[in-house]
N, C-alpha and C. Protein backbone atom coordinates (compact mmCIF):
# COMPACT_ATOMS: atom_id res chain seq x y z
N UNK A 1 106.60 84.51 199.33
CA UNK A 1 106.01 83.04 199.29
C UNK A 1 104.64 83.34 200.20
N UNK A 2 103.62 82.47 199.74
CA UNK A 2 102.23 82.51 200.28
C UNK A 2 102.20 82.42 201.64
N UNK A 3 101.23 83.08 202.20
CA UNK A 3 101.07 82.91 203.71
C UNK A 3 100.51 81.65 204.15
N UNK A 4 100.48 81.43 205.60
CA UNK A 4 99.80 80.25 206.05
C UNK A 4 98.57 79.94 205.92
N UNK A 5 97.79 78.82 205.96
CA UNK A 5 96.62 78.59 205.65
C UNK A 5 95.60 79.66 206.65
N UNK A 6 94.55 79.94 206.13
CA UNK A 6 93.55 80.72 206.89
C UNK A 6 92.28 80.35 206.54
N UNK A 7 91.26 80.20 207.40
CA UNK A 7 90.10 79.82 207.11
C UNK A 7 89.20 80.88 206.42
N UNK A 8 89.81 82.24 206.16
CA UNK A 8 89.05 83.16 205.70
C UNK A 8 89.52 83.31 204.22
N UNK A 9 90.49 82.29 203.74
CA UNK A 9 90.73 82.52 202.28
C UNK A 9 89.50 82.16 201.38
N UNK A 10 89.39 83.01 200.18
CA UNK A 10 88.34 82.51 199.35
C UNK A 10 88.49 81.13 198.70
N UNK A 11 87.33 80.55 198.26
CA UNK A 11 87.68 79.17 197.71
C UNK A 11 87.37 79.33 196.14
N UNK A 12 88.28 78.67 195.44
CA UNK A 12 88.08 78.45 193.89
C UNK A 12 87.94 77.16 193.53
N UNK A 13 87.57 76.88 192.32
CA UNK A 13 87.17 75.55 191.67
C UNK A 13 87.80 75.53 190.33
N UNK A 14 88.70 74.60 190.11
CA UNK A 14 89.19 74.64 188.71
C UNK A 14 88.96 73.02 188.07
N UNK A 15 89.02 72.90 186.90
CA UNK A 15 89.08 71.72 186.14
C UNK A 15 90.42 71.51 185.71
N UNK A 16 91.13 70.31 186.23
CA UNK A 16 92.44 70.01 185.73
C UNK A 16 92.64 68.85 185.24
N UNK A 17 93.62 68.74 184.38
CA UNK A 17 93.52 67.24 183.64
C UNK A 17 94.21 66.39 184.61
N UNK A 18 93.98 65.07 184.26
CA UNK A 18 94.26 63.94 185.12
C UNK A 18 96.01 64.01 185.37
N UNK A 19 96.71 64.44 184.22
CA UNK A 19 98.08 64.52 184.43
C UNK A 19 98.56 65.67 185.36
N UNK A 20 97.84 66.74 185.49
CA UNK A 20 97.87 68.01 186.30
C UNK A 20 97.64 67.47 187.82
N UNK A 21 96.67 66.61 187.96
CA UNK A 21 96.14 66.28 189.37
C UNK A 21 97.19 65.26 189.81
N UNK A 22 97.84 64.35 189.00
CA UNK A 22 98.65 63.49 189.41
C UNK A 22 100.05 64.08 189.89
N UNK A 23 100.30 65.20 189.11
CA UNK A 23 101.65 65.91 189.42
C UNK A 23 101.30 66.74 190.60
N UNK A 24 100.17 67.11 190.85
CA UNK A 24 99.70 67.95 192.10
C UNK A 24 99.90 67.03 193.32
N UNK A 25 99.42 65.84 193.23
CA UNK A 25 99.36 64.91 194.36
C UNK A 25 100.86 64.41 194.65
N UNK A 26 101.61 64.15 193.67
CA UNK A 26 103.02 63.98 193.69
C UNK A 26 103.84 64.86 194.37
N UNK A 27 103.68 66.17 193.89
CA UNK A 27 104.27 67.36 194.76
C UNK A 27 104.00 67.55 196.09
N UNK A 28 102.67 67.46 196.27
CA UNK A 28 102.09 67.79 197.58
C UNK A 28 102.76 66.57 198.58
N UNK A 29 102.69 65.21 198.20
CA UNK A 29 103.31 64.23 198.92
C UNK A 29 104.89 64.48 199.14
N UNK A 30 105.49 64.89 198.23
CA UNK A 30 107.02 65.12 198.30
C UNK A 30 107.24 66.32 199.16
N UNK A 31 106.70 67.32 198.87
CA UNK A 31 106.97 68.52 199.65
C UNK A 31 106.39 68.63 201.17
N UNK A 32 105.36 67.57 201.31
CA UNK A 32 104.80 67.66 202.77
C UNK A 32 103.87 68.71 202.99
N UNK A 33 103.25 69.27 201.89
CA UNK A 33 102.49 70.35 202.09
C UNK A 33 100.98 69.85 201.46
N UNK A 34 100.04 70.80 201.65
CA UNK A 34 98.64 70.47 200.99
C UNK A 34 98.66 70.80 199.74
N UNK A 35 97.66 70.37 198.90
CA UNK A 35 97.55 70.50 197.53
C UNK A 35 97.42 71.93 197.21
N UNK A 36 96.64 72.60 197.96
CA UNK A 36 96.42 74.32 197.98
C UNK A 36 97.62 74.85 198.09
N UNK A 37 98.57 74.59 198.99
CA UNK A 37 99.75 75.18 199.31
C UNK A 37 100.79 74.93 198.14
N UNK A 38 100.69 73.81 197.45
CA UNK A 38 101.42 73.51 196.13
C UNK A 38 101.09 74.45 195.18
N UNK A 39 99.82 74.54 194.77
CA UNK A 39 99.21 75.52 193.93
C UNK A 39 99.61 76.99 194.22
N UNK A 40 99.74 77.45 195.51
CA UNK A 40 100.12 78.87 195.72
C UNK A 40 101.56 78.94 195.53
N UNK A 41 102.34 78.14 195.81
CA UNK A 41 103.92 78.12 195.46
C UNK A 41 104.18 78.01 194.21
N UNK A 42 103.53 77.27 193.43
CA UNK A 42 103.70 77.03 191.86
C UNK A 42 103.40 78.57 191.33
N UNK A 43 102.12 78.95 191.56
CA UNK A 43 101.79 80.31 190.95
C UNK A 43 102.67 81.50 191.29
N UNK A 44 103.04 81.34 192.58
CA UNK A 44 104.12 82.42 193.04
C UNK A 44 105.37 82.37 192.33
N UNK A 45 105.93 81.24 192.06
CA UNK A 45 107.20 80.93 191.42
C UNK A 45 107.05 81.42 189.84
N UNK A 46 105.79 80.97 189.25
CA UNK A 46 105.65 81.43 187.91
C UNK A 46 105.50 83.05 187.68
N UNK A 47 104.82 83.50 188.67
CA UNK A 47 104.60 84.90 188.64
C UNK A 47 105.99 85.66 188.68
N UNK A 48 106.60 85.24 189.68
CA UNK A 48 108.17 85.72 189.88
C UNK A 48 108.96 85.63 188.54
N UNK A 49 108.84 84.50 188.12
CA UNK A 49 109.66 84.19 186.65
C UNK A 49 109.26 85.15 185.54
N UNK A 50 107.82 85.29 185.53
CA UNK A 50 107.08 86.17 184.30
C UNK A 50 107.73 87.58 184.58
N UNK A 51 107.45 88.14 185.83
CA UNK A 51 108.34 89.32 186.22
C UNK A 51 109.86 89.50 185.73
N UNK A 52 110.44 88.35 186.25
CA UNK A 52 111.83 88.51 185.98
C UNK A 52 112.15 88.68 184.29
N UNK A 53 111.46 87.96 183.46
CA UNK A 53 111.91 87.87 182.21
C UNK A 53 110.99 89.05 181.33
N UNK A 54 110.31 89.82 181.90
CA UNK A 54 109.57 91.08 181.59
C UNK A 54 108.38 90.67 180.80
N UNK A 55 107.66 89.39 181.22
CA UNK A 55 106.47 89.34 180.31
C UNK A 55 105.20 89.85 181.25
N UNK A 56 105.36 90.41 182.36
CA UNK A 56 104.32 91.08 183.15
C UNK A 56 104.67 92.68 183.09
N UNK A 57 103.56 93.42 182.98
CA UNK A 57 103.85 94.80 183.03
C UNK A 57 103.11 95.42 184.21
N UNK A 58 103.73 95.08 185.55
CA UNK A 58 103.34 95.56 186.79
C UNK A 58 103.61 97.21 186.68
N UNK A 59 102.60 97.97 187.03
CA UNK A 59 102.67 99.39 187.30
C UNK A 59 102.82 100.08 185.99
N UNK A 60 102.95 99.60 184.91
CA UNK A 60 102.95 100.21 183.59
C UNK A 60 101.76 100.61 182.94
N UNK A 61 100.56 100.13 183.49
CA UNK A 61 99.32 100.53 182.94
C UNK A 61 98.81 99.65 181.69
N UNK A 62 99.65 98.73 181.46
CA UNK A 62 99.35 97.84 180.34
C UNK A 62 99.00 96.48 180.73
N UNK A 63 98.31 95.88 179.84
CA UNK A 63 97.57 94.56 180.09
C UNK A 63 98.57 93.38 179.74
N UNK A 64 98.92 92.49 180.83
CA UNK A 64 99.73 91.40 180.71
C UNK A 64 99.60 90.52 179.50
N UNK A 65 98.17 90.44 179.17
CA UNK A 65 97.98 89.68 177.75
C UNK A 65 98.56 90.17 176.66
N UNK A 66 98.72 91.53 176.63
CA UNK A 66 99.33 92.03 175.38
C UNK A 66 100.55 91.55 174.91
N UNK A 67 101.49 91.11 176.04
CA UNK A 67 102.70 90.90 175.80
C UNK A 67 102.89 89.37 175.22
N UNK A 68 101.71 88.58 175.16
CA UNK A 68 101.89 87.43 174.76
C UNK A 68 101.34 87.23 173.25
N UNK A 69 102.10 86.57 172.35
CA UNK A 69 101.55 86.23 170.93
C UNK A 69 101.05 84.87 170.90
N UNK A 70 99.95 84.80 170.16
CA UNK A 70 99.58 83.37 169.44
C UNK A 70 99.29 83.47 167.99
N UNK A 71 99.58 82.35 167.55
CA UNK A 71 99.11 82.40 166.02
C UNK A 71 100.26 83.31 165.24
N UNK A 72 99.84 83.25 163.91
CA UNK A 72 100.75 83.98 162.79
C UNK A 72 99.93 85.35 162.73
N UNK A 73 100.83 86.42 163.05
CA UNK A 73 100.35 87.69 162.78
C UNK A 73 100.88 88.40 161.36
N UNK A 74 100.04 89.20 160.63
CA UNK A 74 100.60 89.80 159.52
C UNK A 74 100.81 91.21 159.70
N UNK A 75 101.90 91.59 159.20
CA UNK A 75 102.26 93.14 159.40
C UNK A 75 101.58 93.96 158.56
């Protein structure tokens, strides 16, 4: 799980859809956490799920994006 708040954490900025912002605010209110904490928890959970289902190649020297397929590929 993410560590507690720290003034030394780097700051990032993202453009999110209105729906995503609404969900973020709703989750933050429901969980009683800051929006930043909700983002950290969400990414941590998604990362663990990707590891669990083998979509991330940690320590194998591969690039994670190579395991994702988009569009139609010809053989």
